[in-house]
């Protein structure tokens, strides 16, 4: 959530930065915001005037009663003032709630230096690592390779519908090995604390990290009944949601920062806005696994923390011997809560292109303000933390990339050296 004080100070400047996101629909109803703000100011001024008059009347009443004089007129006026104050307070509460609700649907402001553009065509490639392999045979895609290895798309569809995958045997072992390898790398070498999180969370938790209210249609909902009554809950679309909200409504000590958390979890996305995209194979699924990285830091450290997290995700891809590139996302391609985002895109030979496998974002104080996540700084003042999240990395897409990049002419898959300890020392996936 944006700081409403920032909008009150310079609304045109905020609108200018929001417009860099290049969305065809306005993010904020300026006229309605200005109208509510004008009424709020008027009510607050009137409230102060009424309280001053009420205080003066109370003194008069005391003086009159002290002299055994009639104070009924003053008491009647005090009663009328109290009624007006009650009405004004109720209206002010309604205005404040409407302003807060407006801000819940307004995205974060892009940082200066983020390329301005409407979509991914304006993204900036920063660097590449590795050289895409030159095959001496026609490489297969992961769907054709996976059949013999236990990737069962038809079984997944029979069980749950389209965009679900069932794995058994070698494919299931590779999937597990990848997740274990990533967790070990992040905890042993990158300083993260491993966590296990709930996969179902309450509505306010998703509001805290910004998935609600704007992206409700992209979530899987759970309505729980029973003796506790019906509760509105959701399957997580990323463990960023639960990891970041662990500091919700807390005031941390400065020495607790940075907090570095990681978790392996399934992620559930209805993909309501992506009908017809990437329907073949595992690229875009309703359920997929991801190893997530989250950092909670002081504001002055968040830019450096973002660079660090990108490096941590890169370390995964380098260890898996997968060519990739790093891209700075444009204002129109960034997520709702992000102020700056870097994507890592892995090379997929069958598609002859790079595809996203990790996204690392600095949300600055945007999520913290929604969660009321704060810390007491070195000067003893309480301020909002900055939150960052990044994929470290998407397990299913890593599996796809390993299959396609390390395939052999005979259909076997060469296992990257770093992954072999997790597969009993085997050099090939068979």
Protein backbone atom coordinates (compact mmCIF):
# COMPACT_ATOMS: atom_id res chain seq x y z
CA UNK A 1 0.00 0.00 0.00
CA UNK A 2 1.21 3.47 -0.81
CA UNK A 3 1.73 6.03 1.94
CA UNK A 4 -1.41 8.18 1.92
CA UNK A 5 0.66 11.08 3.27
CA UNK A 6 2.66 10.95 0.03
CA UNK A 7 -0.53 11.31 -2.00
CA UNK A 8 -1.68 14.19 0.18
CA UNK A 9 1.64 16.00 -0.24
CA UNK A 10 1.93 15.70 -4.02
CA UNK A 11 -0.84 13.77 -5.77
CA UNK A 12 0.28 14.77 -9.32
CA UNK A 13 3.77 13.34 -8.71
CA UNK A 14 2.34 10.03 -7.49
CA UNK A 15 0.00 9.84 -10.50
CA UNK A 16 2.92 10.51 -12.84
CA UNK A 17 4.88 7.60 -11.38
CA UNK A 18 1.83 5.32 -11.46
CA UNK A 19 1.28 6.19 -15.12
CA UNK A 20 4.73 4.80 -15.92
CA UNK A 21 3.16 1.36 -15.50
CA UNK A 22 1.33 1.99 -18.78
CA UNK A 23 -1.93 0.34 -17.77
CA UNK A 24 -4.85 1.43 -19.97
CA UNK A 25 -7.07 1.78 -16.88
CA UNK A 26 -6.30 4.46 -14.27
CA UNK A 27 -5.09 3.02 -10.98
CA UNK A 28 -6.62 5.80 -8.89
CA UNK A 29 -9.82 7.83 -9.27
CA UNK A 30 -8.21 11.23 -8.77
CA UNK A 31 -11.50 13.14 -8.62
CA UNK A 32 -12.96 10.79 -6.00
CA UNK A 33 -9.74 10.86 -3.98
CA UNK A 34 -9.66 14.67 -4.06
CA UNK A 35 -13.34 14.87 -3.09
CA UNK A 36 -12.91 12.52 -0.14
CA UNK A 37 -9.78 14.34 0.99
CA UNK A 38 -11.54 17.72 0.86
CA UNK A 39 -14.43 16.36 2.92
CA UNK A 40 -12.01 14.73 5.37
CA UNK A 41 -10.17 18.01 5.93
CA UNK A 42 -13.44 19.89 6.34
CA UNK A 43 -14.69 17.37 8.89
CA UNK A 44 -11.46 17.47 10.84
CA UNK A 45 -11.51 21.28 10.97
CA UNK A 46 -15.15 21.21 12.06
CA UNK A 47 -14.33 18.56 14.69
CA UNK A 48 -11.63 20.79 16.16
CA UNK A 49 -13.99 23.78 16.17
CA UNK A 50 -16.72 21.78 17.88
CA UNK A 51 -14.34 20.45 20.51
CA UNK A 52 -13.02 23.94 21.23
CA UNK A 53 -16.60 25.26 21.60
CA UNK A 54 -17.54 22.30 23.80
CA UNK A 55 -14.54 22.92 26.05
CA UNK A 56 -15.47 26.58 26.37
CA UNK A 57 -19.10 25.72 27.18
CA UNK A 58 -18.00 23.20 29.78
CA UNK A 59 -16.01 25.92 31.53
CA UNK A 60 -19.03 28.27 31.37
CA UNK A 61 -21.31 25.60 32.82
CA UNK A 62 -18.90 25.04 35.67
CA UNK A 63 -18.71 28.75 36.39
CA UNK A 64 -22.49 29.23 36.21
CA UNK A 65 -23.20 26.28 38.46
CA UNK A 66 -20.60 27.56 40.88
CA UNK A 67 -22.66 30.76 41.15
CA UNK A 68 -26.00 28.87 41.31
CA UNK A 69 -26.95 30.36 37.93
CA UNK A 70 -28.95 28.71 35.12
CA UNK A 71 -26.74 26.76 32.69
CA UNK A 72 -29.51 24.98 30.75
CA UNK A 73 -28.86 26.86 27.48
CA UNK A 74 -25.20 25.96 27.54
CA UNK A 75 -26.01 22.34 28.39
CA UNK A 76 -28.47 22.14 25.50
CA UNK A 77 -25.79 23.46 23.14
CA UNK A 78 -23.30 20.91 24.49
CA UNK A 79 -25.79 18.16 23.74
CA UNK A 80 -26.25 19.40 20.19
CA UNK A 81 -22.48 19.58 19.74
CA UNK A 82 -22.11 16.00 21.01
CA UNK A 83 -24.67 14.82 18.45
CA UNK A 84 -22.86 16.61 15.64
CA UNK A 85 -19.53 15.21 16.80
CA UNK A 86 -20.94 11.69 16.77
CA UNK A 87 -22.31 12.12 13.25
CA UNK A 88 -19.03 13.66 12.06
CA UNK A 89 -16.94 10.87 13.61
CA UNK A 90 -19.05 8.24 11.86
CA UNK A 91 -18.71 10.00 8.52
CA UNK A 92 -14.96 10.46 9.03
CA UNK A 93 -14.59 6.74 9.75
CA UNK A 94 -16.46 5.94 6.52
CA UNK A 95 -14.22 8.29 4.52
CA UNK A 96 -11.04 6.83 6.01
CA UNK A 97 -12.25 3.31 5.19
CA UNK A 98 -13.05 4.28 1.58
CA UNK A 99 -9.65 5.93 1.15
CA UNK A 100 -7.93 2.82 2.54
CA UNK A 101 -9.96 0.59 0.22
CA UNK A 102 -8.99 2.74 -2.77
CA UNK A 103 -5.32 2.38 -1.90
CA UNK A 104 -5.61 -1.42 -1.60
CA UNK A 105 -6.06 -1.58 -5.40
CA UNK A 106 -3.25 0.84 -6.27
CA UNK A 107 0.10 -0.80 -7.22
CA UNK A 108 3.54 0.14 -5.97
CA UNK A 109 5.47 3.02 -7.49
CA UNK A 110 8.29 1.96 -9.85
CA UNK A 111 11.76 3.00 -8.78
CA UNK A 112 13.60 5.55 -10.87
CA UNK A 113 15.72 3.72 -13.42
CA UNK A 114 13.12 1.04 -14.15
CA UNK A 115 12.59 1.04 -17.94
CA UNK A 116 9.25 2.56 -18.88
CA UNK A 117 7.12 0.46 -21.20
CA UNK A 118 3.77 -1.22 -21.61
CA UNK A 119 4.91 -4.85 -21.59
CA UNK A 120 7.85 -7.27 -21.77
CA UNK A 121 9.05 -5.75 -25.05
CA UNK A 122 10.49 -2.88 -23.00
CA UNK A 123 12.46 -5.16 -20.64
CA UNK A 124 16.23 -4.69 -20.59
CA UNK A 125 18.59 -7.65 -20.85
CA UNK A 126 21.51 -7.10 -18.47
CA UNK A 127 23.73 -10.17 -18.87
CA UNK A 128 23.93 -13.77 -19.98
CA UNK A 129 25.68 -16.81 -18.55
CA UNK A 130 26.49 -19.99 -20.43
CA UNK A 131 26.26 -20.79 -24.11
CA UNK A 132 23.21 -22.66 -25.41
CA UNK A 133 24.29 -26.15 -26.42
CA UNK A 134 24.73 -27.02 -30.09
CA UNK A 135 23.06 -30.42 -30.52
CA UNK A 136 24.21 -32.91 -33.14
CA UNK A 137 20.66 -34.27 -33.17
CA UNK A 138 17.20 -32.68 -33.10
CA UNK A 139 16.46 -31.96 -29.42
CA UNK A 140 13.11 -33.04 -28.01
CA UNK A 141 10.97 -30.99 -25.69
CA UNK A 142 10.29 -32.10 -22.12
CA UNK A 143 6.90 -33.57 -23.02
CA UNK A 144 8.40 -36.01 -25.50
CA UNK A 145 11.36 -36.74 -23.23
CA UNK A 146 9.25 -37.11 -20.10
CA UNK A 147 7.02 -39.95 -21.21
CA UNK A 148 9.70 -42.55 -20.62
CA UNK A 149 10.77 -40.88 -17.37
CA UNK A 150 7.42 -40.76 -15.59
CA UNK A 151 5.94 -37.39 -16.58
CA UNK A 152 2.25 -38.30 -16.95
CA UNK A 153 0.19 -35.39 -18.24
CA UNK A 154 -2.82 -37.56 -19.08
CA UNK A 155 -2.89 -39.02 -15.56
CA UNK A 156 -2.77 -35.52 -14.08
CA UNK A 157 -5.63 -34.44 -16.32
CA UNK A 158 -7.75 -37.45 -15.34
CA UNK A 159 -7.20 -36.71 -11.65
CA UNK A 160 -7.59 -32.94 -11.62
CA UNK A 161 -8.21 -31.55 -15.10
CA UNK A 162 -5.94 -29.68 -17.48
CA UNK A 163 -2.67 -28.10 -16.31
CA UNK A 164 -1.96 -30.68 -13.63
CA UNK A 165 0.89 -33.21 -13.89
CA UNK A 166 1.39 -36.59 -12.24
CA UNK A 167 5.00 -37.81 -11.84
CA UNK A 168 6.38 -41.21 -10.97
CA UNK A 169 9.74 -42.95 -10.98
CA UNK A 170 12.71 -41.01 -12.41
CA UNK A 171 10.76 -37.78 -12.98
CA UNK A 172 9.47 -37.73 -9.40
CA UNK A 173 12.97 -38.42 -8.05
CA UNK A 174 14.45 -35.63 -10.16
CA UNK A 175 11.76 -33.22 -8.98
CA UNK A 176 12.47 -34.05 -5.33
CA UNK A 177 16.25 -33.88 -5.85
CA UNK A 178 16.02 -30.42 -7.40
CA UNK A 179 14.04 -29.03 -4.46
CA UNK A 180 16.41 -30.57 -1.90
CA UNK A 181 19.45 -29.24 -3.74
CA UNK A 182 18.03 -25.70 -3.84
CA UNK A 183 17.12 -25.71 -0.16
CA UNK A 184 20.57 -26.97 0.81
CA UNK A 185 22.29 -24.35 -1.33
CA UNK A 186 20.26 -21.46 0.12
CA UNK A 187 20.55 -22.58 3.74
CA UNK A 188 24.16 -23.76 3.75
CA UNK A 189 25.77 -21.19 1.47
CA UNK A 190 23.40 -18.20 1.27
CA UNK A 191 22.35 -17.83 4.91
CA UNK A 192 18.62 -18.50 4.70
CA UNK A 193 16.59 -20.23 7.40
CA UNK A 194 14.53 -23.12 6.09
CA UNK A 195 10.81 -22.94 6.85
CA UNK A 196 7.73 -25.08 6.36
CA UNK A 197 4.57 -23.05 5.84
CA UNK A 198 0.81 -23.65 5.68
CA UNK A 199 -0.53 -23.98 2.14
CA UNK A 200 -3.89 -22.42 3.09
CA UNK A 201 -4.01 -18.87 4.44
CA UNK A 202 -6.64 -16.37 5.55
CA UNK A 203 -7.88 -13.49 3.42
CA UNK A 204 -6.01 -10.79 5.38
CA UNK A 205 -2.70 -12.60 4.80
CA UNK A 206 -3.14 -12.24 1.02
CA UNK A 207 -4.12 -8.61 1.49
CA UNK A 208 -0.85 -8.14 3.35
CA UNK A 209 1.33 -9.20 0.42
CA UNK A 210 -0.94 -7.67 -2.23
CA UNK A 211 -2.60 -10.65 -3.93
CA UNK A 212 -5.97 -9.44 -2.67
CA UNK A 213 -8.19 -7.73 -3.54
CA UNK A 214 -6.89 -7.20 -7.08
CA UNK A 215 -5.99 -10.79 -8.06
CA UNK A 216 -8.77 -12.78 -6.42
CA UNK A 217 -9.72 -14.42 -9.72
CA UNK A 218 -6.21 -15.87 -10.04
CA UNK A 219 -6.45 -17.62 -6.66
CA UNK A 220 -7.93 -20.95 -5.62
CA UNK A 221 -10.45 -20.32 -2.85
CA UNK A 222 -11.30 -22.54 0.10
CA UNK A 223 -14.52 -22.11 2.07
CA UNK A 224 -14.26 -23.95 5.36
CA UNK A 225 -17.50 -24.70 7.21
CA UNK A 226 -18.22 -26.67 10.35
CA UNK A 227 -18.62 -25.60 13.95
CA UNK A 228 -16.25 -22.65 13.48
CA UNK A 229 -18.48 -21.13 10.83
CA UNK A 230 -17.54 -20.39 7.26
CA UNK A 231 -14.09 -18.85 6.76
CA UNK A 232 -12.72 -17.29 3.56
CA UNK A 233 -9.36 -18.89 2.87
CA UNK A 234 -7.07 -19.43 -0.11
CA UNK A 235 -4.43 -21.82 -1.38
CA UNK A 236 -1.11 -19.98 -1.58
CA UNK A 237 0.14 -18.97 -5.03
CA UNK A 238 3.68 -18.72 -3.60
CA UNK A 239 5.22 -19.26 -0.17
CA UNK A 240 6.27 -15.61 -0.32
CA UNK A 241 2.78 -15.00 1.07
CA UNK A 242 3.23 -17.00 4.26
CA UNK A 243 6.93 -16.27 4.73
CA UNK A 244 6.55 -12.49 4.43
CA UNK A 245 3.52 -12.40 6.71
CA UNK A 246 5.50 -13.98 9.55
CA UNK A 247 6.44 -10.41 10.51
CA UNK A 248 2.88 -9.13 10.26
CA UNK A 249 1.87 -6.69 13.02
CA UNK A 250 5.28 -6.98 14.68
CA UNK A 251 7.92 -4.50 15.74
CA UNK A 252 11.29 -6.15 15.19
CA UNK A 253 14.56 -5.20 16.81
CA UNK A 254 17.20 -3.71 14.52
CA UNK A 255 19.56 -6.58 15.33
CA UNK A 256 16.99 -9.10 14.03
CA UNK A 257 17.46 -7.75 10.52
CA UNK A 258 18.03 -8.95 7.92
CA UNK A 259 15.65 -11.89 8.15
CA UNK A 260 16.35 -14.42 5.38
CA UNK A 261 13.77 -17.17 4.94
CA UNK A 262 13.36 -19.96 2.40
CA UNK A 263 10.75 -22.65 1.86
CA UNK A 264 9.82 -25.34 -0.64
CA UNK A 265 6.09 -25.47 -1.28
CA UNK A 266 3.50 -26.20 -3.90
CA UNK A 267 1.97 -23.11 -5.47
CA UNK A 268 -1.60 -22.91 -6.75
CA UNK A 269 -2.73 -20.47 -9.45
CA UNK A 270 -5.96 -20.55 -11.40
CA UNK A 271 -4.28 -18.56 -14.21
CA UNK A 272 -7.60 -16.83 -14.93
CA UNK A 273 -5.95 -14.29 -17.19
CA UNK A 274 -3.81 -16.69 -19.22
CA UNK A 275 -6.28 -18.91 -21.07
CA UNK A 276 -4.68 -20.59 -24.06
CA UNK A 277 -1.09 -19.78 -23.07
CA UNK A 278 1.55 -22.50 -22.71
CA UNK A 279 -0.95 -25.32 -22.59
CA UNK A 280 1.62 -27.97 -23.58
CA UNK A 281 3.63 -29.54 -20.81
CA UNK A 282 4.74 -28.05 -17.50
CA UNK A 283 5.49 -24.43 -18.36
CA UNK A 284 2.22 -23.03 -17.00
CA UNK A 285 0.47 -25.21 -14.41
CA UNK A 286 -2.31 -24.74 -11.87
CA UNK A 287 -0.09 -26.52 -9.31
CA UNK A 288 3.69 -26.28 -9.33
CA UNK A 289 6.51 -26.33 -6.79
CA UNK A 290 8.88 -23.51 -6.01
CA UNK A 291 11.71 -22.84 -3.59
CA UNK A 292 11.11 -19.29 -2.43
CA UNK A 293 13.50 -16.75 -0.91
CA UNK A 294 12.27 -13.86 1.26
CA UNK A 295 14.29 -11.14 2.92
CA UNK A 296 13.04 -8.63 5.51
CA UNK A 297 15.53 -5.77 5.76
CA UNK A 298 16.03 -2.18 6.83
CA UNK A 299 15.20 0.37 4.10
CA UNK A 300 18.79 1.40 3.43
CA UNK A 301 19.76 -2.20 2.67
CA UNK A 302 16.96 -3.25 0.34
CA UNK A 303 18.59 -2.37 -2.99
CA UNK A 304 21.72 -4.36 -2.08
CA UNK A 305 19.55 -7.23 -0.81
CA UNK A 306 17.81 -7.42 -4.20
CA UNK A 307 21.13 -7.76 -6.01
CA UNK A 308 22.15 -10.43 -3.51
CA UNK A 309 18.96 -12.43 -4.09
CA UNK A 310 19.43 -12.33 -7.86
CA UNK A 311 22.90 -13.77 -7.29
CA UNK A 312 21.47 -16.54 -5.13
CA UNK A 313 19.03 -17.55 -7.86
CA UNK A 314 21.83 -17.39 -10.45
CA UNK A 315 23.91 -19.75 -8.30
CA UNK A 316 21.20 -22.41 -8.67
CA UNK A 317 21.20 -22.20 -12.46
CA UNK A 318 24.99 -22.18 -12.70
CA UNK A 319 25.24 -25.27 -10.51
CA UNK A 320 22.70 -27.00 -12.73
CA UNK A 321 24.77 -25.99 -15.79
CA UNK A 322 21.82 -24.17 -17.38
CA UNK A 323 22.37 -21.17 -19.69
CA UNK A 324 20.34 -18.15 -18.61
CA UNK A 325 19.99 -14.42 -18.89
CA UNK A 326 19.08 -11.69 -16.37
CA UNK A 327 16.45 -9.15 -17.38
CA UNK A 328 15.32 -5.91 -15.71
CA UNK A 329 11.54 -5.74 -16.08
CA UNK A 330 9.80 -2.68 -17.47
CA UNK A 331 7.16 -0.74 -15.56
CA UNK A 332 4.40 -2.47 -17.53
CA UNK A 333 5.71 -5.97 -16.89
CA UNK A 334 6.37 -5.70 -13.14
CA UNK A 335 4.16 -7.27 -10.51
CA UNK A 336 1.60 -5.31 -8.49
CA UNK A 337 3.70 -4.94 -5.33
CA UNK A 338 7.14 -4.53 -6.88
CA UNK A 339 9.19 -1.34 -7.12
CA UNK A 340 11.92 -3.12 -9.12
CA UNK A 341 12.09 -6.67 -10.50
CA UNK A 342 14.76 -8.79 -12.15
CA UNK A 343 13.80 -11.97 -13.98
CA UNK A 344 16.11 -14.89 -14.64
CA UNK A 345 15.24 -16.64 -17.89
CA UNK A 346 16.59 -20.11 -18.58
CA UNK A 347 17.38 -21.41 -22.08
CA UNK A 348 14.97 -24.06 -23.38
CA UNK A 349 16.38 -25.74 -26.50
CA UNK A 350 13.06 -27.11 -27.77
CA UNK A 351 11.55 -23.62 -27.77
CA UNK A 352 14.81 -22.03 -28.92
CA UNK A 353 14.29 -19.21 -26.46
CA UNK A 354 14.72 -18.10 -22.86
CA UNK A 355 11.82 -18.55 -20.42
CA UNK A 356 11.34 -17.13 -16.94
CA UNK A 357 12.43 -19.43 -14.10
CA UNK A 358 12.94 -16.88 -11.30
CA UNK A 359 11.62 -13.44 -10.47
CA UNK A 360 13.26 -11.32 -7.74
CA UNK A 361 11.54 -8.15 -6.51
CA UNK A 362 12.07 -5.31 -4.06
CA UNK A 363 8.68 -4.27 -2.69
CA UNK A 364 10.20 -1.59 -0.43
CA UNK A 365 7.62 -0.64 2.27
CA UNK A 366 4.58 -1.47 0.12
CA UNK A 367 3.79 -4.84 1.72
CA UNK A 368 5.05 -3.78 5.14
CA UNK A 369 2.55 -0.92 5.27
CA UNK A 370 -0.30 -3.33 4.51
CA UNK A 371 0.98 -5.81 7.14
CA UNK A 372 2.11 -3.17 9.66
CA UNK A 373 5.52 -4.84 9.78
CA UNK A 374 7.98 -2.52 11.49
CA UNK A 375 11.29 -2.34 13.32
CA UNK A 376 12.92 -0.07 15.86
CA UNK A 377 15.94 1.52 14.22
CA UNK A 378 19.28 2.40 15.80
CA UNK A 379 17.90 5.79 16.89
CA UNK A 380 14.97 4.10 18.65
CA UNK A 381 12.39 5.25 16.10
CA UNK A 382 9.84 2.82 14.69
CA UNK A 383 9.73 2.55 10.90
CA UNK A 384 8.48 0.14 8.27
CA UNK A 385 10.73 -2.70 7.10
CA UNK A 386 11.38 -3.36 3.42
CA UNK A 387 10.37 -6.76 2.00
CA UNK A 388 11.89 -8.67 -0.91
CA UNK A 389 11.02 -11.96 -2.53
CA UNK A 390 12.52 -14.16 -5.20
CA UNK A 391 12.19 -17.62 -6.72
CA UNK A 392 15.14 -19.73 -5.87
CA UNK A 393 13.94 -21.29 -8.27
CA UNK A 394 10.74 -22.75 -9.79
CA UNK A 395 11.22 -26.52 -9.40
CA UNK A 396 9.06 -27.64 -12.31
CA UNK A 397 10.69 -25.29 -14.77
CA UNK A 398 14.11 -26.35 -13.50
CA UNK A 399 13.10 -29.95 -14.22
CA UNK A 400 12.03 -28.92 -17.74
CA UNK A 401 15.33 -27.10 -18.29
CA UNK A 402 17.45 -30.00 -17.01
CA UNK A 403 15.63 -32.50 -19.23
CA UNK A 404 15.93 -30.37 -22.36
CA UNK A 405 19.45 -29.02 -21.89
CA UNK A 406 21.05 -32.26 -20.70
CA UNK A 407 19.27 -34.72 -22.99
CA UNK A 408 21.33 -37.27 -24.91
CA UNK A 409 20.75 -38.70 -28.37
CA UNK A 410 19.55 -42.00 -26.85
CA UNK A 411 16.90 -40.24 -24.75
CA UNK A 412 18.78 -40.49 -21.45
CA UNK A 413 19.39 -37.36 -19.37
CA UNK A 414 22.88 -36.48 -18.11
CA UNK A 415 22.61 -35.42 -14.47
CA UNK A 416 24.50 -32.19 -13.58
CA UNK A 417 27.38 -32.86 -11.20
CA UNK A 418 25.89 -30.78 -8.36
CA UNK A 419 22.69 -32.82 -8.46
CA UNK A 420 24.24 -36.31 -8.44
CA UNK A 421 24.53 -36.65 -4.63
CA UNK A 422 20.76 -36.22 -4.45
CA UNK A 423 20.21 -39.06 -6.93
CA UNK A 424 22.45 -41.69 -5.38
CA UNK A 425 25.50 -40.64 -7.37
CA UNK A 426 23.91 -41.54 -10.72
CA UNK A 427 25.31 -39.82 -13.79
CA UNK A 428 22.22 -40.38 -15.92
CA UNK A 429 18.50 -40.26 -15.25
CA UNK A 430 17.05 -43.51 -16.52
